[in-house]
Protein backbone atom coordinates (compact mmCIF):
# COMPACT_ATOMS: atom_id res chain seq x y z
CA MET A 1 11.98 -0.66 15.80
CA ARG A 2 9.31 2.27 16.49
CA ARG A 3 8.30 2.31 20.19
CA ARG A 4 4.81 3.40 21.36
CA PRO A 5 4.06 3.97 25.02
CA THR A 6 0.56 2.74 24.79
CA THR A 7 2.47 -1.02 25.10
CA ARG A 8 2.89 -0.42 28.64
CA THR A 9 -0.63 -0.79 29.40
CA ARG A 10 -1.33 -3.69 31.39
CA VAL A 11 -4.46 -5.47 31.08
CA ASP A 12 -4.28 -8.55 33.03
CA GLY A 13 -7.57 -11.01 31.95
CA GLY A 14 -6.81 -9.67 28.45
CA ALA A 15 -5.79 -12.29 25.86
CA THR A 16 -3.98 -12.62 22.36
CA ARG A 17 -3.48 -15.08 20.36
CA PHE A 18 -0.87 -17.82 18.21
CA ALA A 19 -2.46 -18.81 15.07
CA PRO A 20 -0.77 -20.82 12.59
CA ALA A 21 -2.61 -23.20 9.73
CA PRO A 22 -1.45 -26.65 9.83
CA THR A 23 -1.30 -26.17 5.82
CA GLY A 24 2.61 -26.90 6.19
CA TRP A 25 5.56 -26.93 8.68
CA LEU A 26 6.31 -23.97 10.71
CA HIS A 27 9.10 -22.08 9.31
CA LEU A 28 10.92 -18.68 10.61
CA GLY A 29 8.04 -16.42 9.93
CA HIS A 30 6.13 -18.32 12.55
CA VAL A 31 9.00 -18.31 14.95
CA ALA A 32 9.48 -14.15 14.24
CA ASN A 33 5.26 -13.89 14.92
CA ALA A 34 5.56 -16.20 18.28
CA ILE A 35 8.55 -13.81 19.41
CA PHE A 36 6.41 -10.79 19.23
CA VAL A 37 2.91 -12.45 20.30
CA TRP A 38 4.32 -13.75 23.63
CA GLY A 39 6.53 -10.68 24.42
CA LEU A 40 3.93 -8.62 24.08
CA ALA A 41 1.70 -10.81 25.83
CA ARG A 42 4.12 -10.52 28.67
CA VAL A 43 4.72 -7.07 28.77
CA THR A 44 0.69 -6.15 28.64
CA GLY A 45 -0.13 -9.18 31.19
CA ARG A 46 -2.25 -10.70 28.65
CA ARG A 47 -2.38 -14.62 28.44
CA VAL A 48 -1.76 -16.38 25.14
CA LEU A 49 -4.12 -18.70 23.31
CA LEU A 50 -2.83 -21.34 20.87
CA ARG A 51 -5.41 -21.17 17.72
CA ILE A 52 -5.38 -23.69 14.92
CA GLU A 53 -7.17 -22.59 11.55
CA ASP A 54 -8.23 -25.26 9.88
CA HIS A 55 -10.81 -24.08 8.41
CA ASP A 56 -9.50 -24.74 5.14
CA ARG A 57 -10.98 -28.28 4.67
CA GLN A 58 -8.69 -28.94 1.35
CA ARG A 59 -5.39 -27.99 2.37
CA SER A 60 -5.18 -28.33 6.68
CA ARG A 61 -3.48 -31.56 7.13
CA PRO A 62 -3.21 -33.46 10.71
CA GLU A 63 0.46 -34.34 10.33
CA PHE A 64 0.91 -30.35 9.65
CA ASP A 65 -0.92 -30.21 12.94
CA ALA A 66 0.78 -31.92 15.23
CA GLY A 67 4.36 -30.77 13.48
CA ILE A 68 2.99 -27.06 14.82
CA LEU A 69 2.42 -28.64 17.99
CA GLU A 70 6.33 -30.48 18.21
CA ASP A 71 7.79 -27.49 16.82
CA LEU A 72 6.44 -24.74 19.28
CA ASP A 73 7.43 -27.35 22.10
CA TRP A 74 10.76 -27.79 20.66
CA LEU A 75 11.22 -24.09 20.85
CA GLY A 76 9.77 -23.24 23.87
CA PHE A 77 6.85 -21.24 23.18
CA ARG A 78 4.40 -22.68 25.18
CA ALA A 79 0.35 -21.26 25.24
CA ASP A 80 -1.81 -20.34 28.12
CA GLU A 81 -5.03 -22.15 26.90
CA GLY A 82 -5.37 -24.33 23.93
CA PRO A 83 -4.93 -25.47 21.43
CA VAL A 84 -8.36 -24.87 19.79
CA ARG A 85 -9.00 -25.63 16.72
CA GLN A 86 -11.47 -23.82 14.11
CA SER A 87 -12.78 -27.52 12.54
CA ASP A 88 -14.76 -27.64 16.19
CA ALA A 89 -16.76 -24.49 15.87
CA GLY A 90 -18.58 -24.92 12.83
CA HIS A 91 -21.50 -24.84 14.63
CA VAL A 92 -20.73 -21.49 16.05
CA TYR A 93 -19.97 -20.40 12.09
CA ALA A 94 -23.27 -21.20 11.22
CA ALA A 95 -24.93 -19.26 13.66
CA THR A 96 -23.34 -16.33 13.29
CA LEU A 97 -23.95 -16.86 9.51
CA GLU A 98 -27.36 -16.94 10.20
CA MET A 99 -27.40 -13.99 12.46
CA LEU A 100 -25.61 -11.71 9.70
CA ARG A 101 -28.67 -13.16 7.08
CA PHE A 102 -31.14 -12.43 9.32
CA ASN A 103 -30.07 -8.67 9.24
CA GLY A 104 -29.91 -8.46 5.65
CA PHE A 105 -26.11 -8.76 5.29
CA VAL A 106 -25.79 -12.11 3.10
CA TYR A 107 -25.63 -12.70 0.14
CA ALA A 108 -25.09 -15.27 -2.32
CA CYS A 109 -22.14 -14.57 -5.37
CA ASP A 110 -21.24 -16.95 -8.17
CA CYS A 111 -18.06 -14.81 -9.00
CA SER A 112 -14.78 -16.66 -9.45
CA ARG A 113 -11.48 -15.93 -9.39
CA THR A 114 -11.99 -15.62 -13.23
CA THR A 115 -14.77 -12.99 -13.12
CA PHE A 116 -12.21 -11.11 -11.04
CA ALA A 117 -9.31 -11.65 -13.01
CA GLU A 118 -11.21 -10.66 -16.17
CA TRP A 119 -12.47 -7.37 -14.56
CA ALA A 120 -9.08 -6.19 -14.15
CA ARG A 121 -8.22 -7.07 -17.28
CA ARG A 122 -10.86 -5.08 -19.20
CA HIS A 123 -9.97 -1.92 -16.59
CA GLY A 124 -6.20 -2.61 -15.96
CA ARG A 125 -6.70 -2.67 -12.65
CA SER A 126 -7.76 -5.15 -9.50
CA TRP A 127 -11.20 -5.01 -8.19
CA SER A 128 -11.53 -1.89 -5.27
CA GLU A 129 -14.83 -1.23 -5.17
CA GLY A 130 -17.63 -2.75 -3.34
CA GLY A 131 -19.68 -5.74 -3.12
CA CYS A 132 -18.14 -8.12 -6.02
CA PRO A 133 -17.70 -7.45 -10.18
CA GLY A 134 -20.60 -9.43 -10.90
CA GLY A 135 -23.41 -7.04 -8.88
CA CYS A 136 -24.73 -10.35 -7.19
CA ARG A 137 -25.95 -8.52 -4.42
CA GLY A 138 -28.40 -6.86 -6.85
CA ARG A 139 -29.45 -9.93 -8.49
CA PRO A 140 -31.24 -13.17 -7.58
CA VAL A 141 -28.39 -15.83 -7.33
CA ALA A 142 -29.25 -18.97 -5.96
CA GLU A 143 -27.19 -20.69 -3.30
CA GLY A 144 -25.96 -23.62 -4.05
CA ARG A 145 -22.88 -26.00 -5.26
CA GLY A 146 -20.33 -23.73 -6.63
CA VAL A 147 -21.76 -20.58 -5.26
CA GLY A 148 -19.97 -18.42 -2.39
CA LEU A 149 -21.68 -16.47 0.34
CA ARG A 150 -20.04 -12.95 1.05
CA VAL A 151 -21.39 -10.38 3.65
CA ALA A 152 -22.22 -6.73 2.63
CA LEU A 153 -19.44 -4.29 4.55
CA GLY A 154 -20.83 -1.08 3.85
CA GLY A 155 -18.83 1.91 2.90
CA GLY A 156 -16.99 4.47 4.66
CA GLU A 157 -13.48 4.34 6.51
CA GLU A 158 -12.26 2.84 9.51
CA ARG A 159 -9.65 3.88 11.66
CA TRP A 160 -7.46 2.58 14.36
CA THR A 161 -3.69 3.32 15.84
CA ASP A 162 -1.29 0.33 15.57
CA LEU A 163 0.77 -0.07 18.24
CA ARG A 164 3.86 0.18 16.14
CA LEU A 165 3.25 1.66 12.97
CA GLY A 166 0.86 4.32 14.65
CA PRO A 167 -2.25 5.73 13.08
CA GLY A 168 -4.15 4.28 9.96
CA GLY A 169 -7.14 3.98 8.26
CA ASP A 170 -8.65 2.45 5.10
CA ALA A 171 -12.56 1.56 3.46
CA PRO A 172 -13.51 -1.76 4.72
CA ASP A 173 -15.11 -2.48 1.15
CA ARG A 174 -11.51 -1.22 -0.59
CA GLU A 175 -11.32 -4.55 -1.90
CA GLY A 176 -15.11 -5.83 -2.13
CA ASP A 177 -16.93 -7.69 -0.07
CA PRO A 178 -15.36 -10.85 2.26
CA LEU A 179 -16.91 -14.14 1.35
CA VAL A 180 -17.81 -15.82 4.64
CA ARG A 181 -18.17 -19.52 2.84
CA ASP A 182 -16.04 -20.27 -0.45
CA ARG A 183 -17.30 -21.88 -3.51
CA ALA A 184 -16.57 -25.05 -2.09
CA GLY A 185 -18.28 -24.60 1.14
CA ASN A 186 -15.24 -23.82 3.40
CA TRP A 187 -15.55 -21.04 6.12
CA THR A 188 -13.16 -18.43 4.96
CA TYR A 189 -10.29 -16.89 7.28
CA PRO A 190 -11.62 -13.08 6.81
CA PHE A 191 -14.81 -14.54 8.46
CA CYS A 192 -13.49 -17.15 10.75
CA VAL A 193 -10.75 -15.12 12.55
CA VAL A 194 -13.38 -11.98 13.30
CA VAL A 195 -15.59 -14.60 15.09
CA ASP A 196 -12.99 -16.17 16.83
CA ASP A 197 -11.48 -13.11 18.10
CA ALA A 198 -14.73 -12.00 19.61
CA ARG A 199 -15.70 -15.06 21.40
CA GLN A 200 -12.48 -15.97 22.63
CA GLU A 201 -12.10 -11.98 24.18
CA ILE A 202 -8.65 -11.34 21.89
CA ASP A 203 -8.12 -8.08 22.70
CA LEU A 204 -4.53 -7.51 21.18
CA VAL A 205 -3.68 -9.13 17.24
CA VAL A 206 -0.26 -9.42 16.99
CA ARG A 207 0.70 -9.98 13.15
CA GLY A 208 2.92 -9.58 10.22
CA GLU A 209 2.67 -6.57 8.08
CA ASP A 210 1.30 -8.28 5.26
CA LEU A 211 -2.02 -8.39 7.01
CA LEU A 212 -2.30 -4.94 8.12
CA ASP A 213 -4.65 -3.98 5.01
CA ALA A 214 -7.07 -6.67 6.21
CA THR A 215 -7.79 -4.16 9.58
CA ALA A 216 -10.43 -1.93 8.21
CA ARG A 217 -12.52 -4.95 6.88
CA GLN A 218 -11.87 -6.96 10.18
CA ILE A 219 -13.04 -4.10 12.28
CA ARG A 220 -16.06 -3.71 10.32
CA LEU A 221 -17.02 -7.46 10.17
CA GLY A 222 -16.46 -7.15 14.02
CA ARG A 223 -18.71 -3.65 14.22
CA LEU A 224 -21.48 -5.93 12.56
CA LEU A 225 -21.06 -8.99 14.91
CA GLY A 226 -21.72 -6.90 17.65
CA ARG A 227 -18.31 -6.12 18.98
CA SER A 228 -18.49 -2.49 20.09
CA ALA A 229 -14.66 -2.01 20.52
CA PRO A 230 -11.86 -3.67 17.95
CA PRO A 231 -8.74 -5.43 19.64
CA ALA A 232 -5.70 -3.12 19.78
CA TRP A 233 -3.39 -4.19 16.95
CA TYR A 234 0.34 -4.47 16.62
CA HIS A 235 2.14 -5.08 13.09
CA HIS A 236 5.50 -6.13 13.04
CA PRO A 237 8.47 -6.82 10.25
CA LEU A 238 8.00 -9.67 8.16
CA ILE A 239 10.96 -11.99 7.64
CA ARG A 240 12.14 -11.05 3.52
CA ARG A 241 13.77 -13.12 1.18
CA PRO A 242 16.59 -11.14 -1.08
CA ASP A 243 14.27 -10.72 -3.91
CA GLY A 244 11.67 -9.02 -1.29
CA SER A 245 8.69 -11.71 -0.78
CA LYS A 246 7.86 -13.07 2.36
CA LEU A 247 8.44 -16.07 3.49
CA SER A 248 6.37 -19.15 2.68
CA LYS A 249 5.80 -22.33 4.36
CA SER A 250 7.14 -24.38 1.42
CA ALA A 251 10.45 -22.33 2.19
CA GLY A 252 12.30 -25.32 2.86
CA ASP A 253 15.90 -23.16 4.05
CA SER A 254 13.94 -21.46 6.71
CA GLY A 255 11.49 -24.54 7.75
CA VAL A 256 12.03 -25.06 11.44
CA ARG A 257 12.30 -29.12 10.62
CA GLU A 258 14.77 -28.31 8.31
CA LEU A 259 16.86 -26.09 10.43
CA ARG A 260 16.39 -28.77 13.33
CA ALA A 261 17.22 -31.65 11.19
CA ALA A 262 20.54 -29.86 10.31
CA GLY A 263 21.93 -29.50 13.58
CA MET A 264 20.75 -26.11 14.81
CA SER A 265 19.50 -25.77 18.51
CA PRO A 266 15.72 -23.99 19.34
CA GLU A 267 18.11 -21.19 20.67
CA PHE A 268 19.65 -20.67 17.38
CA VAL A 269 16.55 -20.76 15.39
CA ILE A 270 15.06 -18.29 18.04
CA GLY A 271 18.21 -16.39 17.45
CA ARG A 272 17.88 -16.20 13.89
CA ALA A 273 14.56 -15.14 13.45
CA ALA A 274 14.99 -12.24 15.88
CA ALA A 275 17.65 -11.20 14.49
CA ALA A 276 16.00 -11.06 10.55
CA VAL A 277 13.42 -8.81 12.42
CA GLY A 278 15.51 -6.33 13.97
CA LEU A 279 15.43 -7.33 17.62
CA LEU A 280 18.85 -8.43 17.66
CA ASP A 281 21.90 -6.85 15.78
CA ARG A 282 22.81 -10.16 15.02
CA GLU A 283 22.35 -14.00 14.66
CA ARG A 284 23.03 -15.60 18.16
CA ALA A 285 21.37 -18.00 20.66
CA ILE A 286 18.72 -16.77 22.85
CA SER A 287 16.15 -19.18 24.81
CA ALA A 288 12.10 -18.54 24.41
CA THR A 289 12.18 -17.13 27.98
CA ASP A 290 15.04 -14.43 27.13
CA VAL A 291 13.32 -12.97 23.72
CA MET A 292 10.13 -12.46 25.04
CA THR A 293 11.87 -10.44 27.95
CA HIS A 294 14.31 -8.56 25.44
CA VAL A 295 11.02 -7.46 23.32
CA ALA A 296 9.23 -6.31 26.86
CA PHE A 297 12.29 -4.19 27.58
CA THR A 298 12.68 -2.71 23.68
CA GLU A 299 8.44 -2.07 23.84
CA THR A 300 8.66 -0.59 26.73
CA GLY A 301 11.88 1.20 26.32
CA ARG A 302 13.86 0.36 29.21
């Protein structure tokens, strides 16, 4: 793993977060993320907020919510604050939406996934321009059932320095303008996560490399919401299947519940996840406390 001296900087009073969605059980990918979140919080002097990202009303389930809390406790990862839930913050998202609307950034969009797929079929590539394929910002689209709301991010480029990967940059609207409310009326991940990180004073975001491409749009949306400086970023390696695909919540062979039922100890589950992302040279039992210390020593080069 590449070492960056910037992770040595302590910011007592700052925060990072562990933010699972209750749309499935925890798996080894979540455990790997928890290892990095709690380990980097320790080395940088930040507190950890547990945030349950249950904005998706159709897919979130109470049993998954309860299972996340139980599995985290079994593993030994205990947050300094929370849990807080996005389902309790609808009024915050609504007020933020109205602020964006007042400033002229919100527009109704009747494009569906089929619209994007049809555009890609005709052009031989995925949509990679600002706005949306239907040009909804430039034409009257009535808000209502089956119509989403997007926020216009604007062009240009956003740049950042990842604490592990180094300098990066991208156009915030490379994949179009993000939905803030989808066609079913749900608040969306791109919107909720930026609103919450700002209001909860999250100044270090620790997440998998699969979300690296979302960084530019999240920085730009944060600016539109009045955030003067974006959080620091750390994108860690993913646990991959033999075919190169990332783990999913339906991955029974890597689910924490299944591993528990098979008699595996919490220390060995943590060790398996740590080895899979290169923190250990082999699978072995290691406690949550010890793996946090291991990350801290790895990141400071000691």
